[in-house]
Amino acid sequence: MTDFDDNIYKIYIKMITNIVILSLIICISLAFWIMSMTASTYYGNIRPVSPWRWLFSVVVPVLIACNGFKKKSLDHSGALGGLVVGFILTIANFSFFTSLLMSAGDTWASEVGPVLSKSQPRLITTWERVPVGTNGGVTVVGLASSLLGGTFVGITYFLTQLVFVNDLDISAPQWPIIVFGGLAGLLGSIVDSYLGATMQFSGLDENTGMVVNNPTNTATHIAGKPILDNNAVNLFSSILTALLLPTVACGFWPTE
C-alpha cells in the first residue's frame, strides 16, 4: 500500500468514525428526550425539555471536549470531566453554559494581569515584593482583572437569561448576578493567591533564575510550604468561593 493509499484509508476511517459518533450522539439525545417526555406524562407537572435542547446539550460539549483533547489542552480525564460538566450545565440552563465558556476571574488575573501590569508582584500575605511567577504574588492590575473577569461572566449570564427565559418578570431581580459575579472573580483570585502563598512552595532557582514550585538544593525559599500543588489550590479556592458567595448573595439579594 502506497503512502497515498494509506492517507486515503486514514481519512476514510476518520470519516466513518465521525459518522458513527454523530449517530450515537443523536440516538442518545433522542433517548433522553423520550425519557423526559415519559416522565412529564407520568408526573404531569414536569415541563419536558425539547429534543433540540437535548441535542445541543450533547453535541456542543462533545465538540468542545474533542477540540480540547485534539489540541492537547485536555487529557482523557479532563475531556471526560468537561463533557459531563458541560452536559449538566447546558441541560440545566443555557446561562450556565454561556458562563462556562467565558474567561473566569482567576484566568483573567493570571493571564491578563502580568501582561498589563508594569509593577513587580507582591506576596498577598506580607505585601513584600516577589519575583514574577511566585505563588501568591498579586498586582493591583491582576486583582482588577479578576473583578472585571467575574463581572463579564455575570453580564453574560444576565444577558442569556434575558434571551432564553420568558418569565423573569415574576422572579427575583437578576441584575445582581453581575455584581456578585465580579465579587466572585475577585474573591476567588484572593483565596487562590492566599492558598498559593501559604500552601504552595515557591523558590528561586539559582542556576536558571526562574521560580520553581518544588524544593531543590539550588532553590532559595521565597514563600509557602510544599503541601498542595496548583490543581489542589484551584480546587480548594473554587470550593471556598462557591460556598461563601452564595451565602452572602442570599443575604443581600433584593426581592423586588
C-alpha atoms as a PDB file:
ATOM      1  CA  MET A   1       0.000   0.000   0.000  1.00  0.00           C
ATOM      2  CA  THR A   2       1.426   3.387  -1.037  1.00  0.00           C
ATOM      3  CA  ASP A   3       1.538   6.460   1.210  1.00  0.00           C
ATOM      4  CA  PHE A   4      -1.278   7.999  -0.820  1.00  0.00           C
ATOM      5  CA  ASP A   5      -3.477   4.939  -0.352  1.00  0.00           C
ATOM      6  CA  ASP A   6      -2.609   4.903   3.332  1.00  0.00           C
ATOM      7  CA  ASN A   7      -3.673   8.546   3.743  1.00  0.00           C
ATOM      8  CA  ILE A   8      -6.934   7.897   1.891  1.00  0.00           C
ATOM      9  CA  TYR A   9      -7.593   4.921   4.166  1.00  0.00           C
ATOM     10  CA  LYS A  10      -6.979   7.012   7.298  1.00  0.00           C
ATOM     11  CA  ILE A  11      -9.274   9.766   6.034  1.00  0.00           C
ATOM     12  CA  TYR A  12     -11.968   7.197   5.247  1.00  0.00           C
ATOM     13  CA  ILE A  13     -11.686   5.614   8.709  1.00  0.00           C
ATOM     14  CA  LYS A  14     -11.839   9.039  10.354  1.00  0.00           C
ATOM     15  CA  MET A  15     -14.932   9.981   8.330  1.00  0.00           C
ATOM     16  CA  ILE A  16     -16.709   6.728   9.214  1.00  0.00           C
ATOM     17  CA  THR A  17     -15.780   7.184  12.879  1.00  0.00           C
ATOM     18  CA  ASN A  18     -17.206  10.695  12.914  1.00  0.00           C
ATOM     19  CA  ILE A  19     -20.436   9.473  11.304  1.00  0.00           C
ATOM     20  CA  VAL A  20     -20.781   6.703  13.887  1.00  0.00           C
ATOM     21  CA  ILE A  21     -20.116   9.104  16.774  1.00  0.00           C
ATOM     22  CA  LEU A  22     -22.632  11.617  15.416  1.00  0.00           C
ATOM     23  CA  SER A  23     -25.223   8.883  15.012  1.00  0.00           C
ATOM     24  CA  LEU A  24     -24.683   7.733  18.594  1.00  0.00           C
ATOM     25  CA  ILE A  25     -24.977  11.304  19.854  1.00  0.00           C
ATOM     26  CA  ILE A  26     -28.288  11.772  18.054  1.00  0.00           C
ATOM     27  CA  CYS A  27     -29.590   8.447  19.411  1.00  0.00           C
ATOM     28  CA  ILE A  28     -28.534   9.333  22.962  1.00  0.00           C
ATOM     29  CA  SER A  29     -30.129  12.767  22.646  1.00  0.00           C
ATOM     30  CA  LEU A  30     -33.412  11.311  21.385  1.00  0.00           C
ATOM     31  CA  ALA A  31     -33.380   8.671  24.139  1.00  0.00           C
ATOM     32  CA  PHE A  32     -33.026  11.381  26.790  1.00  0.00           C
ATOM     33  CA  TRP A  33     -35.852  13.353  25.189  1.00  0.00           C
ATOM     34  CA  ILE A  34     -38.129  10.298  25.191  1.00  0.00           C
ATOM     35  CA  MET A  35     -37.342   9.758  28.873  1.00  0.00           C
ATOM     36  CA  SER A  36     -38.137  13.404  29.559  1.00  0.00           C
ATOM     37  CA  MET A  37     -41.457  13.187  27.733  1.00  0.00           C
ATOM     38  CA  THR A  38     -42.330   9.955  29.553  1.00  0.00           C
ATOM     39  CA  ALA A  39     -41.602  11.497  32.959  1.00  0.00           C
ATOM     40  CA  SER A  40     -43.576  14.606  32.041  1.00  0.00           C
ATOM     41  CA  THR A  41     -46.570  12.500  31.020  1.00  0.00           C
ATOM     42  CA  TYR A  42     -46.375  10.293  34.107  1.00  0.00           C
ATOM     43  CA  TYR A  43     -45.987  13.019  36.725  1.00  0.00           C
ATOM     44  CA  GLY A  44     -47.955  15.679  34.883  1.00  0.00           C
ATOM     45  CA  ASN A  45     -46.143  18.664  36.409  1.00  0.00           C
ATOM     46  CA  ILE A  46     -42.758  18.460  34.714  1.00  0.00           C
ATOM     47  CA  ARG A  47     -42.114  20.633  31.700  1.00  0.00           C
ATOM     48  CA  PRO A  48     -40.455  18.444  29.036  1.00  0.00           C
ATOM     49  CA  VAL A  49     -37.192  19.542  27.510  1.00  0.00           C
ATOM     50  CA  SER A  50     -37.269  19.924  23.734  1.00  0.00           C
ATOM     51  CA  PRO A  51     -35.305  17.431  21.600  1.00  0.00           C
ATOM     52  CA  TRP A  52     -33.244  20.322  20.230  1.00  0.00           C
ATOM     53  CA  ARG A  53     -32.196  21.218  23.781  1.00  0.00           C
ATOM     54  CA  TRP A  54     -31.108  17.647  24.421  1.00  0.00           C
ATOM     55  CA  LEU A  55     -29.247  17.542  21.116  1.00  0.00           C
ATOM     56  CA  PHE A  56     -27.494  20.845  21.814  1.00  0.00           C
ATOM     57  CA  SER A  57     -26.593  19.738  25.336  1.00  0.00           C
ATOM     58  CA  VAL A  58     -24.931  16.596  23.992  1.00  0.00           C
ATOM     59  CA  VAL A  59     -23.343  17.759  20.726  1.00  0.00           C
ATOM     60  CA  VAL A  60     -21.771  21.048  21.820  1.00  0.00           C
ATOM     61  CA  PRO A  61     -19.937  19.695  24.912  1.00  0.00           C
ATOM     62  CA  VAL A  62     -18.710  16.760  22.814  1.00  0.00           C
ATOM     63  CA  LEU A  63     -17.331  19.115  20.157  1.00  0.00           C
ATOM     64  CA  ILE A  64     -15.649  21.324  22.752  1.00  0.00           C
ATOM     65  CA  ALA A  65     -14.150  18.363  24.621  1.00  0.00           C
ATOM     66  CA  CYS A  66     -12.910  16.771  21.390  1.00  0.00           C
ATOM     67  CA  ASN A  67     -11.346  20.043  20.280  1.00  0.00           C
ATOM     68  CA  GLY A  68      -9.569  20.448  23.621  1.00  0.00           C
ATOM     69  CA  PHE A  69      -8.338  16.858  23.509  1.00  0.00           C
ATOM     70  CA  LYS A  70      -7.170  17.264  19.904  1.00  0.00           C
ATOM     71  CA  LYS A  71      -5.182  20.398  20.812  1.00  0.00           C
ATOM     72  CA  LYS A  72      -3.781  18.526  23.843  1.00  0.00           C
ATOM     73  CA  SER A  73      -5.120  21.149  26.225  1.00  0.00           C
ATOM     74  CA  LEU A  74      -7.128  18.338  27.860  1.00  0.00           C
ATOM     75  CA  ASP A  75      -6.206  14.776  28.706  1.00  0.00           C
ATOM     76  CA  HIS A  76      -8.670  11.866  28.739  1.00  0.00           C
ATOM     77  CA  SER A  77      -9.936  12.575  32.261  1.00  0.00           C
ATOM     78  CA  GLY A  78     -10.153  16.315  31.605  1.00  0.00           C
ATOM     79  CA  ALA A  79     -12.102  15.798  28.389  1.00  0.00           C
ATOM     80  CA  LEU A  80     -14.487  13.346  30.070  1.00  0.00           C
ATOM     81  CA  GLY A  81     -14.977  15.661  33.039  1.00  0.00           C
ATOM     82  CA  GLY A  82     -15.577  18.636  30.764  1.00  0.00           C
ATOM     83  CA  LEU A  83     -18.083  16.599  28.763  1.00  0.00           C
ATOM     84  CA  VAL A  84     -20.075  15.648  31.858  1.00  0.00           C
ATOM     85  CA  VAL A  85     -19.986  19.140  33.387  1.00  0.00           C
ATOM     86  CA  GLY A  86     -20.836  20.759  30.052  1.00  0.00           C
ATOM     87  CA  PHE A  87     -23.832  18.467  29.555  1.00  0.00           C
ATOM     88  CA  ILE A  88     -25.194  19.042  33.063  1.00  0.00           C
ATOM     89  CA  LEU A  89     -24.822  22.822  32.916  1.00  0.00           C
ATOM     90  CA  THR A  90     -26.237  23.101  29.409  1.00  0.00           C
ATOM     91  CA  ILE A  91     -29.279  20.954  30.042  1.00  0.00           C
ATOM     92  CA  ALA A  92     -29.937  22.814  33.291  1.00  0.00           C
ATOM     93  CA  ASN A  93     -29.680  26.353  31.961  1.00  0.00           C
ATOM     94  CA  PHE A  94     -28.253  27.994  28.846  1.00  0.00           C
ATOM     95  CA  SER A  95     -26.926  30.771  31.092  1.00  0.00           C
ATOM     96  CA  PHE A  96     -24.731  28.243  32.881  1.00  0.00           C
ATOM     97  CA  PHE A  97     -23.337  27.103  29.539  1.00  0.00           C
ATOM     98  CA  THR A  98     -22.504  30.589  28.259  1.00  0.00           C
ATOM     99  CA  SER A  99     -20.952  31.490  31.607  1.00  0.00           C
ATOM    100  CA  LEU A 100     -18.832  28.346  31.433  1.00  0.00           C
ATOM    101  CA  LEU A 101     -17.443  29.475  28.065  1.00  0.00           C
ATOM    102  CA  MET A 102     -16.239  32.907  29.304  1.00  0.00           C
ATOM    103  CA  SER A 103     -12.582  33.644  30.858  1.00  0.00           C
ATOM    104  CA  ALA A 104     -13.037  33.084  34.713  1.00  0.00           C
ATOM    105  CA  GLY A 105     -11.855  35.703  37.140  1.00  0.00           C
ATOM    106  CA  ASP A 106      -8.698  33.822  38.151  1.00  0.00           C
ATOM    107  CA  THR A 107      -7.782  33.273  34.489  1.00  0.00           C
ATOM    108  CA  TRP A 108      -8.071  36.994  33.809  1.00  0.00           C
ATOM    109  CA  ALA A 109      -5.813  37.664  36.781  1.00  0.00           C
ATOM    110  CA  SER A 110      -3.160  35.104  35.840  1.00  0.00           C
ATOM    111  CA  GLU A 111      -3.131  35.748  32.091  1.00  0.00           C
ATOM    112  CA  VAL A 112      -4.091  39.404  31.600  1.00  0.00           C
ATOM    113  CA  GLY A 113      -2.630  40.791  34.831  1.00  0.00           C
ATOM    114  CA  PRO A 114       1.055  40.014  34.141  1.00  0.00           C
ATOM    115  CA  VAL A 115       0.776  41.348  30.597  1.00  0.00           C
ATOM    116  CA  LEU A 116      -0.729  44.704  31.541  1.00  0.00           C
ATOM    117  CA  SER A 117       0.940  45.224  34.922  1.00  0.00           C
ATOM    118  CA  LYS A 118       4.248  47.081  34.957  1.00  0.00           C
ATOM    119  CA  SER A 119       4.861  46.661  38.688  1.00  0.00           C
ATOM    120  CA  GLN A 120       6.544  43.764  40.480  1.00  0.00           C
ATOM    121  CA  PRO A 121       4.123  41.386  42.209  1.00  0.00           C
ATOM    122  CA  ARG A 122       3.710  41.499  45.964  1.00  0.00           C
ATOM    123  CA  LEU A 123       3.097  38.497  48.184  1.00  0.00           C
ATOM    124  CA  ILE A 124      -0.519  38.661  49.328  1.00  0.00           C
ATOM    125  CA  THR A 125       0.306  37.610  52.907  1.00  0.00           C
ATOM    126  CA  THR A 126       3.139  40.051  53.645  1.00  0.00           C
ATOM    127  CA  TRP A 127       2.906  42.525  50.733  1.00  0.00           C
ATOM    128  CA  GLU A 128       6.639  42.088  50.096  1.00  0.00           C
ATOM    129  CA  ARG A 129       7.890  42.277  46.511  1.00  0.00           C
ATOM    130  CA  VAL A 130       8.463  38.853  44.972  1.00  0.00           C
ATOM    131  CA  PRO A 131       9.674  37.609  41.561  1.00  0.00           C
ATOM    132  CA  VAL A 132       7.166  37.183  38.755  1.00  0.00           C
ATOM    133  CA  GLY A 133       5.685  33.678  38.887  1.00  0.00           C
ATOM    134  CA  THR A 134       5.699  33.378  42.668  1.00  0.00           C
ATOM    135  CA  ASN A 135       2.639  31.575  44.019  1.00  0.00           C
ATOM    136  CA  GLY A 136       0.554  34.108  45.904  1.00  0.00           C
ATOM    137  CA  GLY A 137       2.062  37.106  44.134  1.00  0.00           C
ATOM    138  CA  VAL A 138      -0.534  39.723  43.182  1.00  0.00           C
ATOM    139  CA  THR A 139      -0.691  43.100  41.497  1.00  0.00           C
ATOM    140  CA  VAL A 140      -3.342  45.781  41.519  1.00  0.00           C
ATOM    141  CA  VAL A 141      -3.894  45.238  37.799  1.00  0.00           C
ATOM    142  CA  GLY A 142      -4.265  41.489  38.351  1.00  0.00           C
ATOM    143  CA  LEU A 143      -6.857  41.948  41.091  1.00  0.00           C
ATOM    144  CA  ALA A 144      -8.744  44.453  38.948  1.00  0.00           C
ATOM    145  CA  SER A 145      -8.666  41.945  36.085  1.00  0.00           C
ATOM    146  CA  SER A 146     -10.202  39.330  38.384  1.00  0.00           C
ATOM    147  CA  LEU A 147     -13.004  41.722  39.245  1.00  0.00           C
ATOM    148  CA  LEU A 148     -13.606  42.561  35.583  1.00  0.00           C
ATOM    149  CA  GLY A 149     -13.467  38.891  34.579  1.00  0.00           C
ATOM    150  CA  GLY A 150     -16.085  37.896  37.118  1.00  0.00           C
ATOM    151  CA  THR A 151     -18.235  40.869  36.137  1.00  0.00           C
ATOM    152  CA  PHE A 152     -18.039  39.849  32.484  1.00  0.00           C
ATOM    153  CA  VAL A 153     -19.218  36.329  33.374  1.00  0.00           C
ATOM    154  CA  GLY A 154     -22.098  37.862  35.352  1.00  0.00           C
ATOM    155  CA  ILE A 155     -23.072  40.051  32.408  1.00  0.00           C
ATOM    156  CA  THR A 156     -23.017  37.017  30.101  1.00  0.00           C
ATOM    157  CA  TYR A 157     -25.273  35.078  32.464  1.00  0.00           C
ATOM    158  CA  PHE A 158     -27.692  38.008  32.790  1.00  0.00           C
ATOM    159  CA  LEU A 159     -27.958  38.610  29.041  1.00  0.00           C
ATOM    160  CA  THR A 160     -28.534  34.917  28.363  1.00  0.00           C
ATOM    161  CA  GLN A 161     -31.327  34.927  30.932  1.00  0.00           C
ATOM    162  CA  LEU A 162     -32.957  37.842  29.135  1.00  0.00           C
ATOM    163  CA  VAL A 163     -32.844  35.958  25.840  1.00  0.00           C
ATOM    164  CA  PHE A 164     -33.968  32.470  26.875  1.00  0.00           C
ATOM    165  CA  VAL A 165     -36.148  32.949  29.974  1.00  0.00           C
ATOM    166  CA  ASN A 166     -39.694  34.194  29.426  1.00  0.00           C
ATOM    167  CA  ASP A 167     -40.952  34.615  32.989  1.00  0.00           C
ATOM    168  CA  LEU A 168     -38.289  36.852  34.514  1.00  0.00           C
ATOM    169  CA  ASP A 169     -40.975  39.395  35.378  1.00  0.00           C
ATOM    170  CA  ILE A 170     -42.358  37.123  38.107  1.00  0.00           C
ATOM    171  CA  SER A 171     -38.979  36.113  39.552  1.00  0.00           C
ATOM    172  CA  ALA A 172     -36.480  37.929  41.746  1.00  0.00           C
ATOM    173  CA  PRO A 173     -34.304  40.565  40.012  1.00  0.00           C
ATOM    174  CA  GLN A 174     -31.454  39.007  38.050  1.00  0.00           C
ATOM    175  CA  TRP A 175     -29.173  42.027  37.620  1.00  0.00           C
ATOM    176  CA  PRO A 176     -27.387  41.481  40.992  1.00  0.00           C
ATOM    177  CA  ILE A 177     -25.692  38.452  39.416  1.00  0.00           C
ATOM    178  CA  ILE A 178     -23.436  40.953  37.635  1.00  0.00           C
ATOM    179  CA  VAL A 179     -22.295  42.419  40.964  1.00  0.00           C
ATOM    180  CA  PHE A 180     -21.857  39.073  42.680  1.00  0.00           C
ATOM    181  CA  GLY A 181     -20.117  37.694  39.597  1.00  0.00           C
ATOM    182  CA  GLY A 182     -17.496  40.422  39.925  1.00  0.00           C
ATOM    183  CA  LEU A 183     -17.133  39.740  43.646  1.00  0.00           C
ATOM    184  CA  ALA A 184     -16.767  36.016  42.953  1.00  0.00           C
ATOM    185  CA  GLY A 185     -13.957  36.677  40.484  1.00  0.00           C
ATOM    186  CA  LEU A 186     -12.135  38.931  42.943  1.00  0.00           C
ATOM    187  CA  LEU A 187     -12.689  36.677  45.962  1.00  0.00           C
ATOM    188  CA  GLY A 188     -11.661  33.592  44.019  1.00  0.00           C
ATOM    189  CA  SER A 189      -8.414  35.257  42.994  1.00  0.00           C
ATOM    190  CA  ILE A 190      -7.676  36.393  46.562  1.00  0.00           C
ATOM    191  CA  VAL A 191      -8.376  32.967  48.054  1.00  0.00           C
ATOM    192  CA  ASP A 192      -6.332  31.287  45.322  1.00  0.00           C
ATOM    193  CA  SER A 193      -3.428  33.657  45.939  1.00  0.00           C
ATOM    194  CA  TYR A 194      -3.573  33.194  49.718  1.00  0.00           C
ATOM    195  CA  LEU A 195      -3.538  29.406  49.427  1.00  0.00           C
ATOM    196  CA  GLY A 196      -0.716  29.660  46.908  1.00  0.00           C
ATOM    197  CA  ALA A 197       1.333  31.865  49.228  1.00  0.00           C
ATOM    198  CA  THR A 198       0.904  29.563  52.221  1.00  0.00           C
ATOM    199  CA  MET A 199       0.310  26.043  50.892  1.00  0.00           C
ATOM    200  CA  GLN A 200       2.462  26.036  47.729  1.00  0.00           C
ATOM    201  CA  PHE A 201       6.227  26.132  47.692  1.00  0.00           C
ATOM    202  CA  SER A 202       7.883  28.942  45.748  1.00  0.00           C
ATOM    203  CA  GLY A 203      11.634  29.139  45.389  1.00  0.00           C
ATOM    204  CA  LEU A 204      14.151  30.936  43.176  1.00  0.00           C
ATOM    205  CA  ASP A 205      16.422  28.534  41.337  1.00  0.00           C
ATOM    206  CA  GLU A 206      19.997  29.806  41.486  1.00  0.00           C
ATOM    207  CA  ASN A 207      21.018  28.145  38.213  1.00  0.00           C
ATOM    208  CA  THR A 208      18.160  29.332  35.982  1.00  0.00           C
ATOM    209  CA  GLY A 209      16.893  32.380  37.855  1.00  0.00           C
ATOM    210  CA  MET A 210      13.361  31.008  37.489  1.00  0.00           C
ATOM    211  CA  VAL A 211      10.717  30.465  40.150  1.00  0.00           C
ATOM    212  CA  VAL A 212      10.194  26.760  40.892  1.00  0.00           C
ATOM    213  CA  ASN A 213       7.358  25.009  42.716  1.00  0.00           C
ATOM    214  CA  ASN A 214       9.360  22.162  44.257  1.00  0.00           C
ATOM    215  CA  PRO A 215      12.124  22.340  46.882  1.00  0.00           C
ATOM    216  CA  THR A 216      15.575  21.608  45.459  1.00  0.00           C
ATOM    217  CA  ASN A 217      19.157  22.026  46.643  1.00  0.00           C
ATOM    218  CA  THR A 218      19.597  25.006  44.338  1.00  0.00           C
ATOM    219  CA  ALA A 219      16.311  26.759  45.131  1.00  0.00           C
ATOM    220  CA  THR A 220      16.146  29.612  47.622  1.00  0.00           C
ATOM    221  CA  HIS A 221      12.854  29.607  49.506  1.00  0.00           C
ATOM    222  CA  ILE A 222      10.569  32.555  48.784  1.00  0.00           C
ATOM    223  CA  ALA A 223       7.251  31.600  50.342  1.00  0.00           C
ATOM    224  CA  GLY A 224       4.863  28.767  51.125  1.00  0.00           C
ATOM    225  CA  LYS A 225       5.162  25.131  52.096  1.00  0.00           C
ATOM    226  CA  PRO A 226       5.076  22.120  49.745  1.00  0.00           C
ATOM    227  CA  ILE A 227       1.614  20.946  50.832  1.00  0.00           C
ATOM    228  CA  LEU A 228      -0.618  21.491  47.796  1.00  0.00           C
ATOM    229  CA  ASP A 229       0.013  21.598  44.069  1.00  0.00           C
ATOM    230  CA  ASN A 230      -1.572  24.054  41.666  1.00  0.00           C
ATOM    231  CA  ASN A 231      -4.541  21.787  40.878  1.00  0.00           C
ATOM    232  CA  ALA A 232      -5.350  21.337  44.571  1.00  0.00           C
ATOM    233  CA  VAL A 233      -5.126  25.093  45.190  1.00  0.00           C
ATOM    234  CA  ASN A 234      -7.523  25.749  42.311  1.00  0.00           C
ATOM    235  CA  LEU A 235      -9.915  23.102  43.633  1.00  0.00           C
ATOM    236  CA  PHE A 236      -9.960  24.413  47.207  1.00  0.00           C
ATOM    237  CA  SER A 237     -10.266  28.052  46.143  1.00  0.00           C
ATOM    238  CA  SER A 238     -13.181  27.159  43.862  1.00  0.00           C
ATOM    239  CA  ILE A 239     -14.935  25.242  46.641  1.00  0.00           C
ATOM    240  CA  LEU A 240     -14.448  28.023  49.193  1.00  0.00           C
ATOM    241  CA  THR A 241     -15.661  30.676  46.778  1.00  0.00           C
ATOM    242  CA  ALA A 242     -18.663  28.550  45.813  1.00  0.00           C
ATOM    243  CA  LEU A 243     -19.566  28.173  49.497  1.00  0.00           C
ATOM    244  CA  LEU A 244     -19.019  31.772  50.579  1.00  0.00           C
ATOM    245  CA  LEU A 245     -20.529  33.814  47.736  1.00  0.00           C
ATOM    246  CA  PRO A 246     -23.980  32.137  47.576  1.00  0.00           C
ATOM    247  CA  THR A 247     -24.295  32.587  51.340  1.00  0.00           C
ATOM    248  CA  VAL A 248     -23.534  36.290  51.042  1.00  0.00           C
ATOM    249  CA  ALA A 249     -25.767  36.638  47.993  1.00  0.00           C
ATOM    250  CA  CYS A 250     -28.747  35.089  49.791  1.00  0.00           C
ATOM    251  CA  GLY A 251     -28.463  37.709  52.499  1.00  0.00           C
ATOM    252  CA  PHE A 252     -28.171  40.734  50.218  1.00  0.00           C
ATOM    253  CA  TRP A 253     -30.143  39.706  47.111  1.00  0.00           C
ATOM    254  CA  PRO A 254     -33.060  42.125  46.538  1.00  0.00           C
ATOM    255  CA  THR A 255     -36.545  40.623  46.410  1.00  0.00           C
ATOM    256  CA  GLU A 256     -38.175  43.335  44.316  1.00  0.00           C
END
